[in-house]
N, C-alpha and C. Protein backbone atom coordinates (compact mmCIF):
# COMPACT_ATOMS: atom_id res chain seq x y z
N MET A 1 254.83 122.47 83.69
CA MET A 1 254.68 121.26 84.49
C MET A 1 255.52 120.16 83.85
N ASN A 2 256.40 119.52 84.64
CA ASN A 2 257.22 118.43 84.10
C ASN A 2 256.42 117.12 84.10
N LYS A 3 257.02 116.10 83.51
CA LYS A 3 256.33 114.81 83.36
C LYS A 3 255.93 114.23 84.72
N GLY A 4 256.83 114.29 85.71
CA GLY A 4 256.53 113.76 87.03
C GLY A 4 255.36 114.47 87.68
N GLN A 5 255.32 115.79 87.54
CA GLN A 5 254.21 116.55 88.10
C GLN A 5 252.90 116.21 87.40
N LEU A 6 252.97 116.02 86.08
CA LEU A 6 251.77 115.67 85.31
C LEU A 6 251.24 114.31 85.76
N ILE A 7 252.13 113.35 85.93
CA ILE A 7 251.71 112.02 86.38
C ILE A 7 251.08 112.11 87.77
N ASP A 8 251.70 112.89 88.65
CA ASP A 8 251.14 113.06 89.99
C ASP A 8 249.76 113.69 89.95
N ALA A 9 249.56 114.66 89.05
CA ALA A 9 248.25 115.32 88.92
C ALA A 9 247.19 114.33 88.43
N VAL A 10 247.55 113.51 87.46
CA VAL A 10 246.61 112.51 86.94
C VAL A 10 246.29 111.49 88.03
N ALA A 11 247.30 111.06 88.77
CA ALA A 11 247.08 110.10 89.85
C ALA A 11 246.15 110.70 90.90
N GLN A 12 246.33 111.96 91.20
CA GLN A 12 245.47 112.63 92.18
C GLN A 12 244.02 112.66 91.70
N GLU A 13 243.81 112.97 90.44
CA GLU A 13 242.44 112.98 89.90
C GLU A 13 241.83 111.58 89.92
N LEU A 14 242.60 110.58 89.51
CA LEU A 14 242.09 109.22 89.48
C LEU A 14 241.80 108.68 90.88
N SER A 15 242.48 109.21 91.88
CA SER A 15 242.30 108.72 93.25
C SER A 15 240.90 109.01 93.79
N GLN A 16 240.16 109.85 93.10
CA GLN A 16 238.77 110.10 93.48
C GLN A 16 237.90 108.88 93.19
N PHE A 17 238.35 108.03 92.29
CA PHE A 17 237.56 106.90 91.84
C PHE A 17 238.10 105.53 92.26
N ALA A 18 239.40 105.50 92.61
CA ALA A 18 240.03 104.22 92.94
C ALA A 18 241.31 104.47 93.71
N ASP A 19 241.85 103.41 94.29
CA ASP A 19 243.17 103.51 94.91
C ASP A 19 244.20 103.57 93.78
N VAL A 20 245.09 104.53 93.87
CA VAL A 20 246.08 104.73 92.81
C VAL A 20 247.48 104.69 93.40
N ALA A 21 248.35 103.94 92.73
CA ALA A 21 249.76 103.92 93.09
C ALA A 21 250.56 104.13 91.81
N VAL A 22 251.54 104.98 91.87
CA VAL A 22 252.39 105.25 90.71
C VAL A 22 253.71 104.50 90.91
N ALA A 23 254.02 103.65 89.97
CA ALA A 23 255.29 102.91 89.99
C ALA A 23 256.26 103.64 89.07
N ARG A 24 257.41 103.95 89.60
CA ARG A 24 258.41 104.69 88.82
C ARG A 24 259.63 103.82 88.55
N ASP A 25 260.46 104.28 87.62
CA ASP A 25 261.71 103.60 87.28
C ASP A 25 261.48 102.18 86.79
N LEU A 26 260.47 102.02 85.94
CA LEU A 26 260.20 100.72 85.32
C LEU A 26 260.50 100.81 83.83
N VAL A 27 260.81 99.67 83.25
CA VAL A 27 261.16 99.59 81.84
C VAL A 27 260.36 98.45 81.21
N THR A 28 259.93 98.66 79.97
CA THR A 28 259.27 97.59 79.22
C THR A 28 260.27 96.98 78.25
N ILE A 29 260.40 95.67 78.30
CA ILE A 29 261.22 94.94 77.34
C ILE A 29 260.26 94.04 76.56
N THR A 30 260.31 94.16 75.24
CA THR A 30 259.39 93.39 74.40
C THR A 30 260.18 92.45 73.49
N VAL A 31 259.81 91.18 73.53
CA VAL A 31 260.36 90.17 72.64
C VAL A 31 259.42 90.11 71.44
N VAL A 32 259.97 90.28 70.23
CA VAL A 32 259.15 90.36 69.03
C VAL A 32 259.63 89.34 68.01
N GLY A 33 258.70 88.67 67.35
CA GLY A 33 259.05 87.74 66.28
C GLY A 33 257.82 87.11 65.69
N ARG A 34 257.84 86.92 64.39
CA ARG A 34 256.71 86.29 63.71
C ARG A 34 256.48 84.90 64.25
N GLY A 35 255.25 84.60 64.68
CA GLY A 35 254.91 83.29 65.20
C GLY A 35 255.48 83.01 66.57
N LEU A 36 255.92 84.05 67.25
CA LEU A 36 256.58 83.92 68.55
C LEU A 36 255.82 83.04 69.52
N MET A 37 254.56 83.27 69.68
CA MET A 37 253.78 82.54 70.67
C MET A 37 253.34 81.17 70.17
N GLN A 38 253.58 80.88 68.91
CA GLN A 38 253.23 79.58 68.38
C GLN A 38 254.40 78.60 68.47
N GLU A 39 255.59 79.12 68.77
CA GLU A 39 256.76 78.26 68.89
C GLU A 39 256.77 77.59 70.26
N PRO A 40 256.74 76.27 70.30
CA PRO A 40 256.69 75.57 71.59
C PRO A 40 257.87 75.94 72.49
N GLY A 41 257.56 76.22 73.74
CA GLY A 41 258.59 76.50 74.72
C GLY A 41 259.11 77.92 74.75
N MET A 42 258.66 78.77 73.82
CA MET A 42 259.21 80.13 73.75
C MET A 42 258.92 80.93 75.01
N THR A 43 257.70 80.86 75.51
CA THR A 43 257.36 81.59 76.72
C THR A 43 258.24 81.12 77.88
N GLY A 44 258.45 79.83 77.99
CA GLY A 44 259.32 79.29 79.02
C GLY A 44 260.75 79.79 78.90
N ARG A 45 261.24 79.91 77.67
CA ARG A 45 262.60 80.43 77.46
C ARG A 45 262.71 81.87 77.90
N VAL A 46 261.67 82.66 77.62
CA VAL A 46 261.66 84.07 78.04
C VAL A 46 261.68 84.15 79.56
N PHE A 47 260.83 83.38 80.21
CA PHE A 47 260.77 83.43 81.67
C PHE A 47 262.02 82.84 82.31
N ALA A 48 262.61 81.83 81.69
CA ALA A 48 263.86 81.28 82.21
C ALA A 48 264.97 82.34 82.15
N ALA A 49 264.98 83.11 81.07
CA ALA A 49 265.98 84.19 80.95
C ALA A 49 265.76 85.25 82.02
N ALA A 50 264.50 85.49 82.38
CA ALA A 50 264.21 86.48 83.42
C ALA A 50 264.77 86.02 84.76
N GLY A 51 264.78 84.71 84.98
CA GLY A 51 265.37 84.17 86.20
C GLY A 51 264.80 84.78 87.45
N GLU A 52 265.65 85.38 88.26
CA GLU A 52 265.25 85.95 89.55
C GLU A 52 264.78 87.41 89.44
N VAL A 53 264.78 87.96 88.23
CA VAL A 53 264.35 89.36 88.06
C VAL A 53 262.84 89.44 88.32
N PRO A 54 262.42 90.29 89.26
CA PRO A 54 260.98 90.45 89.49
C PRO A 54 260.31 91.09 88.27
N VAL A 55 259.30 90.44 87.75
CA VAL A 55 258.55 90.96 86.61
C VAL A 55 257.26 91.57 87.15
N HIS A 56 257.07 92.86 86.90
CA HIS A 56 255.92 93.59 87.43
C HIS A 56 254.66 93.39 86.58
N LEU A 57 254.86 93.14 85.29
CA LEU A 57 253.72 92.99 84.39
C LEU A 57 254.16 92.17 83.19
N ILE A 58 253.26 91.32 82.71
CA ILE A 58 253.48 90.54 81.50
C ILE A 58 252.33 90.88 80.56
N SER A 59 252.66 91.16 79.31
CA SER A 59 251.61 91.49 78.35
C SER A 59 251.89 90.80 77.02
N GLN A 60 250.86 90.15 76.51
CA GLN A 60 250.93 89.56 75.17
C GLN A 60 249.90 90.27 74.32
N ALA A 61 250.37 91.16 73.44
CA ALA A 61 249.45 91.93 72.61
C ALA A 61 248.98 91.14 71.40
N SER A 62 249.79 90.22 70.94
CA SER A 62 249.45 89.41 69.78
C SER A 62 250.35 88.18 69.78
N ASP A 63 250.31 87.42 68.71
CA ASP A 63 251.18 86.24 68.66
C ASP A 63 252.59 86.60 68.21
N VAL A 64 252.88 87.90 68.06
CA VAL A 64 254.21 88.32 67.63
C VAL A 64 254.98 89.08 68.71
N SER A 65 254.39 89.28 69.88
CA SER A 65 255.14 90.01 70.91
C SER A 65 254.75 89.58 72.32
N LEU A 66 255.74 89.66 73.19
CA LEU A 66 255.56 89.38 74.60
C LEU A 66 256.36 90.44 75.36
N SER A 67 255.69 91.23 76.20
CA SER A 67 256.34 92.31 76.91
C SER A 67 256.43 92.01 78.40
N LEU A 68 257.55 92.42 78.99
CA LEU A 68 257.79 92.28 80.41
C LEU A 68 258.11 93.67 80.96
N VAL A 69 257.54 94.03 82.09
CA VAL A 69 257.87 95.28 82.76
C VAL A 69 258.71 94.94 83.98
N VAL A 70 259.92 95.51 84.01
CA VAL A 70 260.87 95.23 85.10
C VAL A 70 261.44 96.54 85.61
N ALA A 71 262.07 96.48 86.78
CA ALA A 71 262.73 97.66 87.34
C ALA A 71 263.88 98.08 86.42
N SER A 72 264.05 99.36 86.27
CA SER A 72 265.08 99.90 85.40
C SER A 72 266.48 99.32 85.66
N PRO A 73 266.90 99.18 86.92
CA PRO A 73 268.25 98.63 87.15
C PRO A 73 268.43 97.18 86.67
N ASP A 74 267.33 96.43 86.51
CA ASP A 74 267.40 95.04 86.06
C ASP A 74 267.36 94.90 84.54
N ALA A 75 267.02 95.97 83.84
CA ALA A 75 266.71 95.88 82.42
C ALA A 75 267.90 95.48 81.55
N ALA A 76 269.05 96.10 81.74
CA ALA A 76 270.19 95.82 80.86
C ALA A 76 270.63 94.36 80.94
N ALA A 77 270.73 93.84 82.15
CA ALA A 77 271.14 92.44 82.31
C ALA A 77 270.11 91.49 81.71
N LEU A 78 268.83 91.77 81.91
CA LEU A 78 267.78 90.92 81.34
C LEU A 78 267.81 90.97 79.83
N LEU A 79 268.00 92.14 79.28
CA LEU A 79 268.06 92.27 77.83
C LEU A 79 269.23 91.46 77.26
N ARG A 80 270.38 91.52 77.92
CA ARG A 80 271.53 90.72 77.46
C ARG A 80 271.22 89.23 77.53
N ARG A 81 270.58 88.77 78.62
CA ARG A 81 270.25 87.35 78.74
C ARG A 81 269.24 86.92 77.67
N LEU A 82 268.23 87.76 77.44
CA LEU A 82 267.25 87.43 76.41
C LEU A 82 267.92 87.33 75.04
N HIS A 83 268.80 88.26 74.74
CA HIS A 83 269.50 88.23 73.46
C HIS A 83 270.34 86.97 73.34
N ALA A 84 271.07 86.65 74.40
CA ALA A 84 271.91 85.45 74.37
C ALA A 84 271.07 84.18 74.21
N ASP A 85 269.98 84.08 74.96
CA ASP A 85 269.16 82.87 74.96
C ASP A 85 268.29 82.73 73.72
N LEU A 86 267.80 83.83 73.19
CA LEU A 86 266.85 83.75 72.08
C LEU A 86 267.47 84.01 70.71
N ILE A 87 268.49 84.84 70.65
CA ILE A 87 269.09 85.19 69.36
C ILE A 87 270.39 84.42 69.14
N GLU A 88 271.33 84.56 70.07
CA GLU A 88 272.64 83.92 69.88
C GLU A 88 272.52 82.41 69.86
N ASP A 89 271.71 81.84 70.73
CA ASP A 89 271.52 80.38 70.74
C ASP A 89 270.91 79.91 69.42
N ARG A 90 269.94 80.66 68.91
CA ARG A 90 269.30 80.28 67.64
C ARG A 90 270.29 80.37 66.49
N ASP A 91 271.12 81.42 66.48
CA ASP A 91 272.14 81.56 65.44
C ASP A 91 273.12 80.39 65.50
N GLU A 92 273.50 79.99 66.71
CA GLU A 92 274.42 78.87 66.88
C GLU A 92 273.77 77.58 66.38
N GLU A 93 272.51 77.36 66.70
CA GLU A 93 271.80 76.17 66.23
C GLU A 93 271.73 76.14 64.71
N ALA A 94 271.48 77.28 64.10
CA ALA A 94 271.40 77.37 62.63
C ALA A 94 272.76 77.06 61.99
N ARG A 95 273.85 77.53 62.60
CA ARG A 95 275.18 77.26 62.07
C ARG A 95 275.50 75.75 62.16
N ARG A 96 275.11 75.12 63.26
CA ARG A 96 275.39 73.70 63.43
C ARG A 96 274.60 72.85 62.44
N SER A 97 273.38 73.26 62.13
CA SER A 97 272.55 72.45 61.25
C SER A 97 272.81 72.75 59.76
N ALA A 98 273.59 73.77 59.46
CA ALA A 98 273.86 74.13 58.06
C ALA A 98 274.93 73.27 57.45
């Protein structure tokens, strides 16, 4: 049994108890950093980078990570924007203040 068949079998079993829908071709992108959620405006920067990309799920497991679930075709562009907005911009700010 392949992974798709296994997921379908589990969905079929769960459908006895609830309405079940399987979403495919999704990717999780997680922003990680110490004190991430304590930095003012960080969540807004993450969502601004997401822009028009539909976000299917948002998860904050702790103050060090924020995960977004997006469609697979949107993932690479979002990852590049997040890197540019959160890493490259910060590196540039550090160089200017040094």
